[in-house]
PDB file of N, CA and C in Angstrom:
ATOM      1  N   MET A   1      24.072-160.326  57.445  1.00  0.00           N
ATOM      2  CA  MET A   1      22.897-159.698  56.658  1.00  0.00           C
ATOM      3  C   MET A   1      22.986-158.360  56.467  1.00  0.00           C
ATOM      4  N   GLY A   2      23.695-157.447  57.083  1.00  0.00           N
ATOM      5  CA  GLY A   2      23.827-156.040  57.059  1.00  0.00           C
ATOM      6  C   GLY A   2      23.564-155.552  58.610  1.00  0.00           C
ATOM      7  N   ASN A   3      23.693-154.250  58.651  1.00  0.00           N
ATOM      8  CA  ASN A   3      23.682-153.491  59.843  1.00  0.00           C
ATOM      9  C   ASN A   3      22.179-153.094  60.093  1.00  0.00           C
ATOM     10  N   THR A   4      21.396-153.941  60.850  1.00  0.00           N
ATOM     11  CA  THR A   4      19.935-153.672  60.921  1.00  0.00           C
ATOM     12  C   THR A   4      19.921-152.477  62.014  1.00  0.00           C
ATOM     13  N   ALA A   5      20.857-152.384  62.915  1.00  0.00           N
ATOM     14  CA  ALA A   5      20.817-151.137  63.951  1.00  0.00           C
ATOM     15  C   ALA A   5      20.575-149.901  63.269  1.00  0.00           C
ATOM     16  N   VAL A   6      21.587-149.671  62.076  1.00  0.00           N
ATOM     17  CA  VAL A   6      21.412-148.395  61.487  1.00  0.00           C
ATOM     18  C   VAL A   6      20.098-148.101  60.812  1.00  0.00           C
ATOM     19  N   VAL A   7      19.544-149.121  60.265  1.00  0.00           N
ATOM     20  CA  VAL A   7      18.158-149.030  59.608  1.00  0.00           C
ATOM     21  C   VAL A   7      16.948-148.801  60.768  1.00  0.00           C
ATOM     22  N   ALA A   8      17.172-149.648  61.743  1.00  0.00           N
ATOM     23  CA  ALA A   8      16.019-149.475  62.888  1.00  0.00           C
ATOM     24  C   ALA A   8      16.295-147.968  63.409  1.00  0.00           C
ATOM     25  N   SER A   9      17.491-147.311  63.788  1.00  0.00           N
ATOM     26  CA  SER A   9      17.667-145.933  64.017  1.00  0.00           C
ATOM     27  C   SER A   9      17.047-145.023  63.131  1.00  0.00           C
ATOM     28  N   GLY A  10      17.237-145.374  61.769  1.00  0.00           N
ATOM     29  CA  GLY A  10      16.568-144.487  60.885  1.00  0.00           C
ATOM     30  C   GLY A  10      15.071-144.596  60.872  1.00  0.00           C
ATOM     31  N   VAL A  11      14.398-145.631  61.034  1.00  0.00           N
ATOM     32  CA  VAL A  11      12.917-145.791  61.039  1.00  0.00           C
ATOM     33  C   VAL A  11      12.489-145.051  62.377  1.00  0.00           C
ATOM     34  N   LYS A  12      13.265-145.220  63.461  1.00  0.00           N
ATOM     35  CA  LYS A  12      12.837-144.506  64.610  1.00  0.00           C
ATOM     36  C   LYS A  12      12.884-142.810  64.477  1.00  0.00           C
ATOM     37  N   ALA A  13      13.962-142.593  63.906  1.00  0.00           N
ATOM     38  CA  ALA A  13      14.080-141.017  63.468  1.00  0.00           C
ATOM     39  C   ALA A  13      12.940-140.486  62.708  1.00  0.00           C
ATOM     40  N   GLN A  14      12.288-141.298  61.957  1.00  0.00           N
ATOM     41  CA  GLN A  14      11.215-140.882  61.187  1.00  0.00           C
ATOM     42  C   GLN A  14       9.994-140.548  62.090  1.00  0.00           C
ATOM     43  N   ALA A  15      10.016-141.042  63.208  1.00  0.00           N
ATOM     44  CA  ALA A  15       8.725-140.533  64.189  1.00  0.00           C
ATOM     45  C   ALA A  15       8.871-139.492  64.928  1.00  0.00           C
ATOM     46  N   ASP A  16      10.134-138.770  64.826  1.00  0.00           N
ATOM     47  CA  ASP A  16      10.321-137.559  65.251  1.00  0.00           C
ATOM     48  C   ASP A  16       9.497-136.348  64.928  1.00  0.00           C
ATOM     49  N   ASN A  17       9.044-135.443  65.621  1.00  0.00           N
ATOM     50  CA  ASN A  17       7.999-134.497  65.138  1.00  0.00           C
ATOM     51  C   ASN A  17       8.445-133.678  63.761  1.00  0.00           C
ATOM     52  N   THR A  18       9.927-133.246  63.966  1.00  0.00           N
ATOM     53  CA  THR A  18      10.350-132.479  62.895  1.00  0.00           C
ATOM     54  C   THR A  18      10.232-133.357  61.577  1.00  0.00           C
ATOM     55  N   ALA A  19      10.485-134.557  61.615  1.00  0.00           N
ATOM     56  CA  ALA A  19      10.448-135.312  60.564  1.00  0.00           C
ATOM     57  C   ALA A  19       9.072-135.598  59.988  1.00  0.00           C
ATOM     58  N   LYS A  20       8.135-135.592  60.886  1.00  0.00           N
ATOM     59  CA  LYS A  20       6.698-135.748  60.466  1.00  0.00           C
ATOM     60  C   LYS A  20       6.323-134.449  59.723  1.00  0.00           C
ATOM     61  N   ASP A  21       6.703-133.303  60.190  1.00  0.00           N
ATOM     62  CA  ASP A  21       6.476-132.075  59.391  1.00  0.00           C
ATOM     63  C   ASP A  21       7.017-132.057  58.208  1.00  0.00           C
ATOM     64  N   LEU A  22       8.347-132.638  58.067  1.00  0.00           N
ATOM     65  CA  LEU A  22       9.051-132.611  56.813  1.00  0.00           C
ATOM     66  C   LEU A  22       8.328-133.431  55.687  1.00  0.00           C
ATOM     67  N   TYR A  23       7.899-134.770  56.288  1.00  0.00           N
ATOM     68  CA  TYR A  23       7.363-135.702  55.497  1.00  0.00           C
ATOM     69  C   TYR A  23       5.731-135.171  54.947  1.00  0.00           C
ATOM     70  N   ARG A  24       5.179-134.081  55.677  1.00  0.00           N
ATOM     71  CA  ARG A  24       3.974-133.620  55.365  1.00  0.00           C
ATOM     72  C   ARG A  24       4.171-132.754  54.066  1.00  0.00           C
ATOM     73  N   LEU A  25       5.507-132.053  54.105  1.00  0.00           N
ATOM     74  CA  LEU A  25       5.864-131.284  53.049  1.00  0.00           C
ATOM     75  C   LEU A  25       6.068-132.301  51.598  1.00  0.00           C
ATOM     76  N   VAL A  26       6.890-133.069  51.936  1.00  0.00           N
ATOM     77  CA  VAL A  26       7.429-133.885  50.797  1.00  0.00           C
ATOM     78  C   VAL A  26       7.588-135.430  51.434  1.00  0.00           C
ATOM     79  N   ASP A  27       6.691-136.298  50.952  1.00  0.00           N
ATOM     80  CA  ASP A  27       6.848-137.493  51.389  1.00  0.00           C
ATOM     81  C   ASP A  27       7.655-138.571  50.456  1.00  0.00           C
ATOM     82  N   LEU A  28       7.979-139.653  51.031  1.00  0.00           N
ATOM     83  CA  LEU A  28       8.526-140.633  50.145  1.00  0.00           C
ATOM     84  C   LEU A  28       7.801-141.389  49.020  1.00  0.00           C
ATOM     85  N   LYS A  29       6.596-141.123  48.872  1.00  0.00           N
ATOM     86  CA  LYS A  29       5.885-141.557  47.920  1.00  0.00           C
ATOM     87  C   LYS A  29       5.461-140.670  46.496  1.00  0.00           C
ATOM     88  N   GLY A  30       6.269-139.675  46.825  1.00  0.00           N
ATOM     89  CA  GLY A  30       5.958-138.482  45.546  1.00  0.00           C
ATOM     90  C   GLY A  30       4.653-137.764  45.818  1.00  0.00           C
ATOM     91  N   GLY A  31       4.374-137.402  47.157  1.00  0.00           N
ATOM     92  CA  GLY A  31       3.556-136.600  47.313  1.00  0.00           C
ATOM     93  C   GLY A  31       3.744-135.489  48.395  1.00  0.00           C
ATOM     94  N   GLY A  32       2.722-134.856  49.003  1.00  0.00           N
ATOM     95  CA  GLY A  32       3.281-133.785  50.078  1.00  0.00           C
ATOM     96  C   GLY A  32       2.502-132.441  49.537  1.00  0.00           C
ATOM     97  N   GLU A  33       2.584-131.545  50.416  1.00  0.00           N
ATOM     98  CA  GLU A  33       2.190-130.160  50.169  1.00  0.00           C
ATOM     99  C   GLU A  33       2.975-129.423  49.062  1.00  0.00           C
ATOM    100  N   LEU A  34       4.267-129.544  49.364  1.00  0.00           N
ATOM    101  CA  LEU A  34       4.987-128.839  48.208  1.00  0.00           C
ATOM    102  C   LEU A  34       4.916-129.658  46.897  1.00  0.00           C
ATOM    103  N   ILE A  35       4.917-130.814  46.742  1.00  0.00           N
ATOM    104  CA  ILE A  35       4.635-131.437  45.542  1.00  0.00           C
ATOM    105  C   ILE A  35       3.534-131.115  44.875  1.00  0.00           C
ATOM    106  N   GLU A  36       2.250-131.099  45.558  1.00  0.00           N
ATOM    107  CA  GLU A  36       0.914-130.581  44.866  1.00  0.00           C
ATOM    108  C   GLU A  36       1.070-129.140  44.630  1.00  0.00           C
ATOM    109  N   CYS A  37       1.735-128.378  45.236  1.00  0.00           N
ATOM    110  CA  CYS A  37       1.855-126.962  44.874  1.00  0.00           C
ATOM    111  C   CYS A  37       2.691-126.817  43.651  1.00  0.00           C
ATOM    112  N   ALA A  38       4.017-127.439  43.643  1.00  0.00           N
ATOM    113  CA  ALA A  38       4.682-127.473  42.276  1.00  0.00           C
ATOM    114  C   ALA A  38       3.810-128.033  41.069  1.00  0.00           C
ATOM    115  N   LYS A  39       3.071-128.934  41.363  1.00  0.00           N
ATOM    116  CA  LYS A  39       2.219-129.527  40.215  1.00  0.00           C
ATOM    117  C   LYS A  39       1.245-128.612  39.803  1.00  0.00           C
ATOM    118  N   ARG A  40       0.565-127.685  40.638  1.00  0.00           N
ATOM    119  CA  ARG A  40      -0.293-126.553  40.249  1.00  0.00           C
ATOM    120  C   ARG A  40       0.627-125.460  39.568  1.00  0.00           C
ATOM    121  N   ALA A  41       1.838-125.201  40.049  1.00  0.00           N
ATOM    122  CA  ALA A  41       2.492-124.042  39.677  1.00  0.00           C
ATOM    123  C   ALA A  41       2.928-124.336  38.209  1.00  0.00           C
ATOM    124  N   GLY A  42       3.085-125.763  37.869  1.00  0.00           N
ATOM    125  CA  GLY A  42       3.450-126.259  36.456  1.00  0.00           C
ATOM    126  C   GLY A  42       2.434-126.137  35.580  1.00  0.00           C
ATOM    127  N   TRP A  43       1.173-126.360  36.098  1.00  0.00           N
ATOM    128  CA  TRP A  43      -0.061-126.132  35.386  1.00  0.00           C
ATOM    129  C   TRP A  43      -0.349-124.979  35.022  1.00  0.00           C
ATOM    130  N   THR A  44      -0.212-123.938  35.932  1.00  0.00           N
ATOM    131  CA  THR A  44      -0.818-122.494  35.788  1.00  0.00           C
ATOM    132  C   THR A  44       0.458-121.695  35.291  1.00  0.00           C
ATOM    133  N   LYS A  45       1.618-122.054  35.340  1.00  0.00           N
ATOM    134  CA  LYS A  45       2.772-121.252  35.084  1.00  0.00           C
ATOM    135  C   LYS A  45       2.936-120.017  36.078  1.00  0.00           C
ATOM    136  N   ASN A  46       2.323-120.138  37.274  1.00  0.00           N
ATOM    137  CA  ASN A  46       2.402-119.176  38.392  1.00  0.00           C
ATOM    138  C   ASN A  46       3.093-119.752  39.387  1.00  0.00           C
ATOM    139  N   TYR A  47       4.564-119.441  39.517  1.00  0.00           N
ATOM    140  CA  TYR A  47       5.335-120.046  40.729  1.00  0.00           C
ATOM    141  C   TYR A  47       5.296-119.221  41.999  1.00  0.00           C
ATOM    142  N   ARG A  48       4.620-118.188  42.040  1.00  0.00           N
ATOM    143  CA  ARG A  48       4.532-117.306  43.341  1.00  0.00           C
ATOM    144  C   ARG A  48       4.216-118.016  44.518  1.00  0.00           C
ATOM    145  N   GLU A  49       2.944-118.774  44.455  1.00  0.00           N
ATOM    146  CA  GLU A  49       2.505-119.536  45.449  1.00  0.00           C
ATOM    147  C   GLU A  49       3.659-120.497  46.007  1.00  0.00           C
ATOM    148  N   LEU A  50       4.514-121.152  45.175  1.00  0.00           N
ATOM    149  CA  LEU A  50       5.307-122.276  45.438  1.00  0.00           C
ATOM    150  C   LEU A  50       6.491-121.460  46.196  1.00  0.00           C
ATOM    151  N   ASP A  51       7.011-120.463  45.490  1.00  0.00           N
ATOM    152  CA  ASP A  51       8.169-119.683  46.019  1.00  0.00           C
ATOM    153  C   ASP A  51       7.801-119.239  47.494  1.00  0.00           C
ATOM    154  N   GLU A  52       6.389-118.850  47.654  1.00  0.00           N
ATOM    155  CA  GLU A  52       6.277-118.273  49.012  1.00  0.00           C
ATOM    156  C   GLU A  52       6.094-119.551  49.974  1.00  0.00           C
ATOM    157  N   LYS A  53       5.589-120.656  49.689  1.00  0.00           N
ATOM    158  CA  LYS A  53       5.468-121.799  50.505  1.00  0.00           C
ATOM    159  C   LYS A  53       6.855-122.328  50.803  1.00  0.00           C
ATOM    160  N   ILE A  54       7.840-122.447  49.735  1.00  0.00           N
ATOM    161  CA  ILE A  54       9.093-122.812  50.319  1.00  0.00           C
ATOM    162  C   ILE A  54       9.937-121.828  51.167  1.00  0.00           C
ATOM    163  N   LEU A  55       9.744-120.481  50.908  1.00  0.00           N
ATOM    164  CA  LEU A  55      10.243-119.493  51.692  1.00  0.00           C
ATOM    165  C   LEU A  55       9.809-119.519  53.224  1.00  0.00           C
ATOM    166  N   ALA A  56       8.528-119.951  53.115  1.00  0.00           N
ATOM    167  CA  ALA A  56       7.813-120.132  54.590  1.00  0.00           C
ATOM    168  C   ALA A  56       8.123-121.255  55.295  1.00  0.00           C
ATOM    169  N   GLU A  57       8.130-122.374  54.770  1.00  0.00           N
ATOM    170  CA  GLU A  57       8.058-123.702  55.380  1.00  0.00           C
ATOM    171  C   GLU A  57       9.480-124.322  55.288  1.00  0.00           C
ATOM    172  N   VAL A  58      10.325-124.362  54.484  1.00  0.00           N
ATOM    173  CA  VAL A  58      11.761-124.974  54.237  1.00  0.00           C
ATOM    174  C   VAL A  58      12.593-124.440  55.090  1.00  0.00           C
ATOM    175  N   PRO A  59      12.945-123.233  55.570  1.00  0.00           N
ATOM    176  CA  PRO A  59      14.103-122.897  56.075  1.00  0.00           C
ATOM    177  C   PRO A  59      14.310-123.339  57.425  1.00  0.00           C
ATOM    178  N   ARG A  60      13.233-123.829  58.155  1.00  0.00           N
ATOM    179  CA  ARG A  60      13.392-124.531  59.561  1.00  0.00           C
ATOM    180  C   ARG A  60      14.141-125.792  59.475  1.00  0.00           C
ATOM    181  N   PHE A  61      14.040-126.412  58.290  1.00  0.00           N
ATOM    182  CA  PHE A  61      14.826-127.565  58.110  1.00  0.00           C
ATOM    183  C   PHE A  61      16.312-127.551  57.730  1.00  0.00           C
ATOM    184  N   LEU A  62      16.578-126.385  57.401  1.00  0.00           N
ATOM    185  CA  LEU A  62      18.082-126.080  56.820  1.00  0.00           C
ATOM    186  C   LEU A  62      18.816-125.757  57.927  1.00  0.00           C
ATOM    187  N   TYR A  63      20.172-125.861  57.591  1.00  0.00           N
ATOM    188  CA  TYR A  63      21.098-125.369  58.726  1.00  0.00           C
ATOM    189  C   TYR A  63      21.156-123.928  58.833  1.00  0.00           C
ATOM    190  N   ASN A  64      20.903-123.372  60.216  1.00  0.00           N
ATOM    191  CA  ASN A  64      20.944-121.959  60.323  1.00  0.00           C
ATOM    192  C   ASN A  64      19.923-121.305  59.639  1.00  0.00           C
ATOM    193  N   ASN A  65      18.587-121.924  59.566  1.00  0.00           N
ATOM    194  CA  ASN A  65      17.355-121.352  58.932  1.00  0.00           C
ATOM    195  C   ASN A  65      17.652-121.062  57.359  1.00  0.00           C
ATOM    196  N   GLY A  66      18.602-121.896  56.833  1.00  0.00           N
ATOM    197  CA  GLY A  66      18.812-121.717  55.372  1.00  0.00           C
ATOM    198  C   GLY A  66      20.038-120.595  55.075  1.00  0.00           C
ATOM    199  N   GLU A  67      20.533-120.075  56.057  1.00  0.00           N
ATOM    200  CA  GLU A  67      21.643-119.050  55.992  1.00  0.00           C
ATOM    201  C   GLU A  67      23.085-119.863  55.624  1.00  0.00           C
ATOM    202  N   GLY A  68      23.013-121.214  56.229  1.00  0.00           N
ATOM    203  CA  GLY A  68      24.097-121.784  55.945  1.00  0.00           C
ATOM    204  C   GLY A  68      25.604-121.500  56.780  1.00  0.00           C
ATOM    205  N   LYS A  69      26.609-122.123  56.439  1.00  0.00           N
ATOM    206  CA  LYS A  69      27.573-121.824  57.359  1.00  0.00           C
ATOM    207  C   LYS A  69      28.950-121.545  56.394  1.00  0.00           C
ATOM    208  N   LYS A  70      29.676-120.477  56.749  1.00  0.00           N
ATOM    209  CA  LYS A  70      30.931-120.525  56.005  1.00  0.00           C
ATOM    210  C   LYS A  70      32.083-121.079  56.619  1.00  0.00           C
ATOM    211  N   ILE A  71      32.732-122.118  55.826  1.00  0.00           N
ATOM    212  CA  ILE A  71      33.903-122.762  56.373  1.00  0.00           C
ATOM    213  C   ILE A  71      34.891-122.672  55.289  1.00  0.00           C
ATOM    214  N   PRO A  72      36.220-122.802  56.020  1.00  0.00           N
ATOM    215  CA  PRO A  72      37.426-122.781  55.128  1.00  0.00           C
ATOM    216  C   PRO A  72      37.277-123.896  53.942  1.00  0.00           C
ATOM    217  N   ILE A  73      37.766-123.612  52.869  1.00  0.00           N
ATOM    218  CA  ILE A  73      37.826-124.587  51.618  1.00  0.00           C
ATOM    219  C   ILE A  73      38.494-125.915  52.123  1.00  0.00           C
ATOM    220  N   VAL A  74      39.610-125.773  53.042  1.00  0.00           N
ATOM    221  CA  VAL A  74      40.473-126.948  53.290  1.00  0.00           C
ATOM    222  C   VAL A  74      39.577-128.020  54.118  1.00  0.00           C
ATOM    223  N   ASP A  75      38.824-127.438  55.277  1.00  0.00           N
ATOM    224  CA  ASP A  75      37.851-128.123  55.969  1.00  0.00           C
ATOM    225  C   ASP A  75      36.856-128.818  55.030  1.00  0.00           C
ATOM    226  N   PHE A  76      36.440-128.109  53.930  1.00  0.00           N
ATOM    227  CA  PHE A  76      35.241-128.603  53.030  1.00  0.00           C
ATOM    228  C   PHE A  76      35.927-129.952  52.159  1.00  0.00           C
ATOM    229  N   VAL A  77      37.221-129.877  51.794  1.00  0.00           N
ATOM    230  CA  VAL A  77      37.961-130.772  50.895  1.00  0.00           C
ATOM    231  C   VAL A  77      38.211-131.919  51.794  1.00  0.00           C
ATOM    232  N   LEU A  78      38.842-131.646  53.063  1.00  0.00           N
ATOM    233  CA  LEU A  78      38.888-132.908  54.086  1.00  0.00           C
ATOM    234  C   LEU A  78      37.764-133.575  54.211  1.00  0.00           C
ATOM    235  N   ALA A  79      36.575-132.786  54.674  1.00  0.00           N
ATOM    236  CA  ALA A  79      35.285-133.582  54.707  1.00  0.00           C
ATOM    237  C   ALA A  79      34.954-134.614  53.521  1.00  0.00           C
ATOM    238  N   ARG A  80      34.885-133.709  52.249  1.00  0.00           N
ATOM    239  CA  ARG A  80      34.655-134.551  51.054  1.00  0.00           C
ATOM    240  C   ARG A  80      35.569-135.814  50.829  1.00  0.00           C
ATOM    241  N   ASN A  81      36.879-135.593  50.917  1.00  0.00           N
ATOM    242  CA  ASN A  81      37.725-136.670  50.864  1.00  0.00           C
ATOM    243  C   ASN A  81      37.363-137.868  51.865  1.00  0.00           C
ATOM    244  N   LYS A  82      36.930-137.591  52.951  1.00  0.00           N
ATOM    245  CA  LYS A  82      36.652-138.656  53.758  1.00  0.00           C
ATOM    246  C   LYS A  82      35.578-139.602  53.361  1.00  0.00           C
ATOM    247  N   GLU A  83      34.547-138.981  52.439  1.00  0.00           N
ATOM    248  CA  GLU A  83      33.514-139.790  51.957  1.00  0.00           C
ATOM    249  C   GLU A  83      33.844-140.552  50.891  1.00  0.00           C
ATOM    250  N   ARG A  84      34.934-140.200  50.117  1.00  0.00           N
ATOM    251  CA  ARG A  84      35.333-140.844  48.786  1.00  0.00           C
ATOM    252  C   ARG A  84      35.731-142.201  48.974  1.00  0.00           C
ATOM    253  N   CYS A  85      35.833-142.945  47.991  1.00  0.00           N
ATOM    254  CA  CYS A  85      36.274-144.461  48.053  1.00  0.00           C
ATOM    255  C   CYS A  85      37.720-144.224  48.345  1.00  0.00           C
ATOM    256  N   LYS A  86      38.310-145.230  49.407  1.00  0.00           N
ATOM    257  CA  LYS A  86      39.682-145.361  49.591  1.00  0.00           C
ATOM    258  C   LYS A  86      40.353-146.119  48.655  1.00  0.00           C
ATOM    259  N   THR A  87      39.591-146.913  47.872  1.00  0.00           N
ATOM    260  CA  THR A  87      40.449-147.956  47.000  1.00  0.00           C
ATOM    261  C   THR A  87      40.233-147.670  45.466  1.00  0.00           C
ATOM    262  N   LYS A  88      40.895-146.492  45.124  1.00  0.00           N
ATOM    263  CA  LYS A  88      41.020-145.934  43.874  1.00  0.00           C
ATOM    264  C   LYS A  88      42.063-146.703  43.287  1.00  0.00           C
ATOM    265  N   ILE A  89      41.954-146.945  41.940  1.00  0.00           N
ATOM    266  CA  ILE A  89      43.207-147.542  41.252  1.00  0.00           C
ATOM    267  C   ILE A  89      44.271-146.510  41.040  1.00  0.00           C
ATOM    268  N   LYS A  90      45.213-146.859  41.446  1.00  0.00           N
ATOM    269  CA  LYS A  90      46.715-145.996  41.312  1.00  0.00           C
ATOM    270  C   LYS A  90      47.523-146.409  40.131  1.00  0.00           C
ATOM    271  N   VAL A  91      47.827-145.428  39.623  1.00  0.00           N
ATOM    272  CA  VAL A  91      48.758-145.569  38.327  1.00  0.00           C
ATOM    273  C   VAL A  91      50.124-145.318  38.837  1.00  0.00           C
ATOM    274  N   GLY A  92      50.933-146.327  38.348  1.00  0.00           N
ATOM    275  CA  GLY A  92      52.411-145.968  38.791  1.00  0.00           C
ATOM    276  C   GLY A  92      52.985-144.928  37.915  1.00  0.00           C
ATOM    277  N   LYS A  93      54.094-144.436  38.347  1.00  0.00           N
ATOM    278  CA  LYS A  93      54.930-143.255  37.866  1.00  0.00           C
ATOM    279  C   LYS A  93      55.208-143.698  36.533  1.00  0.00           C
ATOM    280  N   GLU A  94      55.634-144.846  36.281  1.00  0.00           N
ATOM    281  CA  GLU A  94      56.259-145.212  34.902  1.00  0.00           C
ATOM    282  C   GLU A  94      54.922-145.215  33.653  1.00  0.00           C
ATOM    283  N   LYS A  95      53.828-145.551  34.247  1.00  0.00           N
ATOM    284  CA  LYS A  95      52.726-145.733  33.322  1.00  0.00           C
ATOM    285  C   LYS A  95      52.294-144.272  33.070  1.00  0.00           C
ATOM    286  N   GLN A  96      52.452-143.176  34.004  1.00  0.00           N
ATOM    287  CA  GLN A  96      51.980-141.725  33.874  1.00  0.00           C
ATOM    288  C   GLN A  96      53.103-141.217  32.813  1.00  0.00           C
ATOM    289  N   LYS A  97      54.380-141.456  33.074  1.00  0.00           N
ATOM    290  CA  LYS A  97      55.292-141.127  32.268  1.00  0.00           C
ATOM    291  C   LYS A  97      55.126-141.405  30.736  1.00  0.00           C
ATOM    292  N   LYS A  98      54.824-142.706  30.479  1.00  0.00           N
ATOM    293  CA  LYS A  98      54.572-143.213  29.288  1.00  0.00           C
ATOM    294  C   LYS A  98      53.335-142.587  28.502  1.00  0.00           C
ATOM    295  N   ALA A  99      52.185-142.375  29.323  1.00  0.00           N
ATOM    296  CA  ALA A  99      51.173-141.807  28.793  1.00  0.00           C
ATOM    297  C   ALA A  99      51.323-140.383  28.357  1.00  0.00           C
ATOM    298  N   GLU A 100      52.162-139.521  29.169  1.00  0.00           N
ATOM    299  CA  GLU A 100      52.561-138.205  28.838  1.00  0.00           C
ATOM    300  C   GLU A 100      53.287-138.187  27.548  1.00  0.00           C
ATOM    301  N   GLU A 101      54.344-139.234  27.427  1.00  0.00           N
ATOM    302  CA  GLU A 101      55.035-139.312  26.349  1.00  0.00           C
ATOM    303  C   GLU A 101      54.356-139.393  24.959  1.00  0.00           C
ATOM    304  N   LEU A 102      53.249-140.438  25.128  1.00  0.00           N
ATOM    305  CA  LEU A 102      52.499-140.728  23.923  1.00  0.00           C
ATOM    306  C   LEU A 102      51.401-139.569  23.629  1.00  0.00           C
ATOM    307  N   ALA A 103      51.044-138.848  24.592  1.00  0.00           N
ATOM    308  CA  ALA A 103      50.380-137.584  24.392  1.00  0.00           C
ATOM    309  C   ALA A 103      51.092-136.578  23.764  1.00  0.00           C
ATOM    310  N   LYS A 104      52.540-136.321  24.020  1.00  0.00           N
ATOM    311  CA  LYS A 104      53.360-135.432  23.406  1.00  0.00           C
ATOM    312  C   LYS A 104      53.457-135.868  21.851  1.00  0.00           C
ATOM    313  N   ILE A 105      53.851-137.099  21.761  1.00  0.00           N
ATOM    314  CA  ILE A 105      53.970-137.681  20.438  1.00  0.00           C
ATOM    315  C   ILE A 105      52.930-137.392  19.599  1.00  0.00           C
ATOM    316  N   ASP A 106      51.426-137.706  20.072  1.00  0.00           N
ATOM    317  CA  ASP A 106      50.634-137.553  19.221  1.00  0.00           C
ATOM    318  C   ASP A 106      50.171-136.018  18.797  1.00  0.00           C
ATOM    319  N   MET A 107      50.715-135.207  19.885  1.00  0.00           N
ATOM    320  CA  MET A 107      50.338-133.787  19.483  1.00  0.00           C
ATOM    321  C   MET A 107      51.289-133.193  18.220  1.00  0.00           C
ATOM    322  N   HIS A 108      52.303-133.951  17.956  1.00  0.00           N
ATOM    323  CA  HIS A 108      53.174-133.370  16.819  1.00  0.00           C
ATOM    324  C   HIS A 108      53.156-133.992  15.640  1.00  0.00           C
ATOM    325  N   LEU A 109      52.215-134.947  15.529  1.00  0.00           N
ATOM    326  CA  LEU A 109      51.840-135.677  14.183  1.00  0.00           C
ATOM    327  C   LEU A 109      51.019-134.738  13.258  1.00  0.00           C
ATOM    328  N   THR A 110      51.557-134.515  12.157  1.00  0.00           N
ATOM    329  CA  THR A 110      50.774-133.753  11.332  1.00  0.00           C
ATOM    330  C   THR A 110      50.932-134.344   9.792  1.00  0.00           C
ATOM    331  N   ASP A 111      49.780-134.165   9.223  1.00  0.00           N
ATOM    332  CA  ASP A 111      49.624-134.634   7.656  1.00  0.00           C
ATOM    333  C   ASP A 111      50.427-133.702   6.611  1.00  0.00           C
ATOM    334  N   ALA A 112      50.273-134.116   5.327  1.00  0.00           N
ATOM    335  CA  ALA A 112      50.992-133.333   4.300  1.00  0.00           C
ATOM    336  C   ALA A 112      50.685-131.863   4.476  1.00  0.00           C
ATOM    337  N   GLU A 113      49.380-131.586   4.778  1.00  0.00           N
ATOM    338  CA  GLU A 113      48.865-130.201   4.789  1.00  0.00           C
ATOM    339  C   GLU A 113      49.095-129.559   5.973  1.00  0.00           C
ATOM    340  N   GLY A 114      49.624-130.024   6.873  1.00  0.00           N
ATOM    341  CA  GLY A 114      50.120-129.432   8.355  1.00  0.00           C
ATOM    342  C   GLY A 114      48.883-129.637   9.406  1.00  0.00           C
ATOM    343  N   ASN A 115      47.880-130.334   9.178  1.00  0.00           N
ATOM    344  CA  ASN A 115      46.824-130.707  10.156  1.00  0.00           C
ATOM    345  C   ASN A 115      47.380-131.596  11.053  1.00  0.00           C
ATOM    346  N   TYR A 116      47.204-131.478  12.426  1.00  0.00           N
ATOM    347  CA  TYR A 116      47.482-132.438  13.332  1.00  0.00           C
ATOM    348  C   TYR A 116      46.439-133.819  13.092  1.00  0.00           C
ATOM    349  N   LEU A 117      47.496-134.755  13.549  1.00  0.00           N
ATOM    350  CA  LEU A 117      46.624-136.072  13.310  1.00  0.00           C
ATOM    351  C   LEU A 117      46.662-136.868  14.754  1.00  0.00           C
ATOM    352  N   GLN A 118      45.745-137.981  14.785  1.00  0.00           N
ATOM    353  CA  GLN A 118      45.838-138.692  15.961  1.00  0.00           C
ATOM    354  C   GLN A 118      46.286-140.012  15.678  1.00  0.00           C
ATOM    355  N   SER A 119      47.418-140.317  16.251  1.00  0.00           N
ATOM    356  CA  SER A 119      47.827-141.871  16.125  1.00  0.00           C
ATOM    357  C   SER A 119      46.759-142.953  16.584  1.00  0.00           C
ATOM    358  N   LYS A 120      46.205-142.553  17.729  1.00  0.00           N
ATOM    359  CA  LYS A 120      45.135-143.388  18.268  1.00  0.00           C
ATOM    360  C   LYS A 120      43.817-142.762  18.274  1.00  0.00           C
ATOM    361  N   PRO A 121      42.975-142.869  17.298  1.00  0.00           N
ATOM    362  CA  PRO A 121      41.744-142.107  17.326  1.00  0.00           C
ATOM    363  C   PRO A 121      40.960-142.499  18.424  1.00  0.00           C
ATOM    364  N   GLY A 122      40.237-141.516  19.072  1.00  0.00           N
ATOM    365  CA  GLY A 122      39.462-141.640  20.164  1.00  0.00           C
ATOM    366  C   GLY A 122      40.110-141.679  21.558  1.00  0.00           C
ATOM    367  N   LYS A 123      41.505-141.810  21.587  1.00  0.00           N
ATOM    368  CA  LYS A 123      42.164-141.835  22.910  1.00  0.00           C
ATOM    369  C   LYS A 123      42.609-140.384  23.316  1.00  0.00           C
ATOM    370  N   TYR A 124      43.039-139.769  22.455  1.00  0.00           N
ATOM    371  CA  TYR A 124      43.497-138.208  22.901  1.00  0.00           C
ATOM    372  C   TYR A 124      42.834-137.339  21.923  1.00  0.00           C
ATOM    373  N   CYS A 125      42.255-136.165  22.472  1.00  0.00           N
ATOM    374  CA  CYS A 125      41.744-135.181  21.747  1.00  0.00           C
ATOM    375  C   CYS A 125      42.622-134.102  21.651  1.00  0.00           C
ATOM    376  N   LEU A 126      42.627-133.205  20.562  1.00  0.00           N
ATOM    377  CA  LEU A 126      43.439-132.130  20.435  1.00  0.00           C
ATOM    378  C   LEU A 126      42.566-130.945  20.335  1.00  0.00           C
TER     379      LEU A 126
END
């Protein structure tokens, strides 16, 4: 029926003091102090109060108080690829070559006026 331990630990984590403060700012029901402030800012077109509240309240919930962390691009790509689906559809070498050949053929088709044509409309764009 699923992994209930993960859900239970997530529910327990919401009881944490930091989580309570975060839900005070923005809750799961579409409310919270920041939401109300954003609504007021939208009505009055004065976003200064919202900006000040974000700068004062939000950084403590961010990594390194909102300063972030610089990491090498290689580490970022490796971390991103770990999260991606492992069962991607792989196209064989022959299909790739055939598709490239078709694309090359389509690029050289012209009409009587010299305008390029597409032998398969919608499949390749020039």
